[in-house]
Amino acid sequence: MSKDIECPYCGNWQEINHDDGYGYSEDELYFQECGDCGKEFGYYTTISYYYEPKEIPCKNGGDHSYKQMFGAPKEYFVGRYRCEYCDEEKVDEELNKKAMQGYLKSLEDKEDNNG
């Protein structure tokens, strides 16, 4: 359990209760009771961002590095690839169409056998 804020009355560290998304908006005063001294205190939320740089060779004259995508149904992802650097996607339309046709046919066959 993390301790987010120091109670202004007793000095003990408290975890902010964010049940149902409470306390996440900026520029709004929120209230919470200290779990140690029982006094109610107010707090404001400040959101900060952290950025991490990443080299993207394919945006600077290099080649894309496409990797097979995975997911469900697996047939949808046949012939679908995503560049590990820039997240660009490419699809082998013929391969994907054939896989999806087979998948849809199997669903129709299953429905015919059950109904």
Protein backbone atom coordinates (compact mmCIF):
# COMPACT_ATOMS: atom_id res chain seq x y z
CA MET A 1 0.00 0.00 0.00
CA SER A 2 1.41 3.37 -0.98
CA LYS A 3 1.17 6.49 1.15
CA ASP A 4 0.22 9.48 -0.98
CA ILE A 5 -0.17 12.48 1.32
CA GLU A 6 0.80 13.66 4.77
CA CYS A 7 -2.12 14.61 7.03
CA PRO A 8 -1.80 18.35 7.81
CA TYR A 9 -3.00 17.73 11.39
CA CYS A 10 -1.12 14.70 12.71
CA GLY A 11 1.63 14.33 10.09
CA ASN A 12 0.91 10.67 9.35
CA TRP A 13 0.97 9.57 5.75
CA GLN A 14 -2.35 8.59 4.17
CA GLU A 15 -3.39 6.75 1.04
CA ILE A 16 -5.79 8.81 -1.07
CA ASN A 17 -9.08 6.99 -1.58
CA HIS A 18 -9.93 7.04 -5.29
CA ASP A 19 -13.03 4.83 -5.11
CA ASP A 20 -15.25 5.37 -8.16
CA GLY A 21 -12.70 7.76 -9.68
CA TYR A 22 -12.97 10.28 -6.85
CA GLY A 23 -10.10 12.75 -6.56
CA TYR A 24 -8.64 12.62 -10.05
CA SER A 25 -9.75 15.95 -11.55
CA GLU A 26 -7.45 18.94 -11.34
CA ASP A 27 -8.58 22.30 -9.94
CA GLU A 28 -11.15 20.72 -7.65
CA LEU A 29 -10.96 20.52 -3.85
CA TYR A 30 -11.44 17.00 -2.49
CA PHE A 31 -11.93 15.92 1.12
CA GLN A 32 -10.79 12.90 3.06
CA GLU A 33 -10.75 11.83 6.69
CA CYS A 34 -7.38 10.96 8.18
CA GLY A 35 -7.27 7.29 9.12
CA ASP A 36 -5.08 8.09 12.12
CA CYS A 37 -6.39 11.27 13.80
CA GLY A 38 -9.92 11.25 12.33
CA LYS A 39 -9.80 14.86 11.16
CA GLU A 40 -11.01 15.82 7.71
CA PHE A 41 -8.51 17.49 5.41
CA GLY A 42 -8.71 18.74 1.85
CA TYR A 43 -6.42 18.16 -1.10
CA TYR A 44 -5.98 19.11 -4.73
CA THR A 45 -4.81 16.76 -7.45
CA THR A 46 -2.03 17.65 -9.85
CA ILE A 47 -1.47 15.47 -12.89
CA SER A 48 2.02 15.31 -14.34
CA TYR A 49 3.33 13.54 -17.42
CA TYR A 50 6.55 11.66 -17.98
CA TYR A 51 7.95 11.24 -21.47
CA GLU A 52 10.39 8.57 -22.54
CA PRO A 53 12.27 8.96 -25.85
CA LYS A 54 12.51 6.09 -28.30
CA GLU A 55 14.51 5.82 -31.49
CA ILE A 56 12.34 5.33 -34.58
CA PRO A 57 14.77 4.27 -37.35
CA CYS A 58 12.02 3.78 -39.95
CA LYS A 59 11.08 7.47 -39.66
CA ASN A 60 14.67 8.43 -40.39
CA GLY A 61 15.51 6.48 -43.53
CA GLY A 62 15.69 3.01 -41.94
CA ASP A 63 13.49 0.01 -42.57
CA HIS A 64 10.34 -0.93 -40.69
CA SER A 65 10.59 -3.99 -38.48
CA TYR A 66 7.21 -5.66 -38.89
CA LYS A 67 6.13 -8.34 -36.43
CA GLN A 68 3.12 -10.64 -36.70
CA MET A 69 0.15 -9.37 -34.67
CA PHE A 70 -1.83 -11.69 -32.43
CA GLY A 71 -5.31 -11.54 -30.94
CA ALA A 72 -8.74 -13.09 -31.09
CA PRO A 73 -10.16 -14.38 -33.20
CA LYS A 74 -6.78 -15.54 -34.45
CA GLU A 75 -8.00 -15.57 -38.05
CA TYR A 76 -8.50 -11.79 -37.97
CA PHE A 77 -4.79 -11.34 -37.30
CA VAL A 78 -3.55 -13.64 -40.06
CA GLY A 79 -1.46 -11.47 -42.38
CA ARG A 80 -1.53 -8.48 -40.00
CA TYR A 81 1.79 -6.96 -39.00
CA ARG A 82 2.89 -4.01 -36.84
CA CYS A 83 6.24 -2.19 -36.94
CA GLU A 84 7.98 -2.59 -33.58
CA TYR A 85 9.36 0.95 -33.89
CA CYS A 86 6.54 3.21 -35.12
CA ASP A 87 3.46 0.97 -34.66
CA GLU A 88 2.55 1.30 -38.35
CA GLU A 89 0.40 -1.61 -39.44
CA LYS A 90 0.28 -3.42 -42.74
CA VAL A 91 -2.07 -6.15 -43.90
CA ASP A 92 -1.60 -8.88 -46.47
CA GLU A 93 -5.16 -8.42 -47.75
CA GLU A 94 -5.31 -11.69 -49.69
CA LEU A 95 -4.00 -13.81 -46.81
CA ASN A 96 -6.25 -12.07 -44.29
CA LYS A 97 -9.34 -12.34 -46.50
CA LYS A 98 -8.78 -16.07 -47.00
CA ALA A 99 -8.37 -16.65 -43.24
CA MET A 100 -11.48 -14.61 -42.43
CA GLN A 101 -13.55 -16.41 -45.06
CA GLY A 102 -12.55 -19.72 -43.50
CA TYR A 103 -13.40 -18.44 -40.06
CA LEU A 104 -16.82 -17.14 -41.11
CA LYS A 105 -17.55 -20.40 -42.93
CA SER A 106 -16.71 -22.36 -39.76
CA LEU A 107 -19.14 -20.17 -37.80
CA GLU A 108 -21.88 -20.75 -40.38
CA ASP A 109 -21.25 -24.50 -40.32
CA LYS A 110 -21.38 -24.48 -36.52
CA GLU A 111 -24.66 -22.55 -36.58
CA ASP A 112 -26.13 -24.93 -39.17
CA ASN A 113 -25.22 -27.92 -36.97
CA ASN A 114 -26.70 -26.35 -33.84
CA GLY A 115 -29.88 -24.94 -35.30
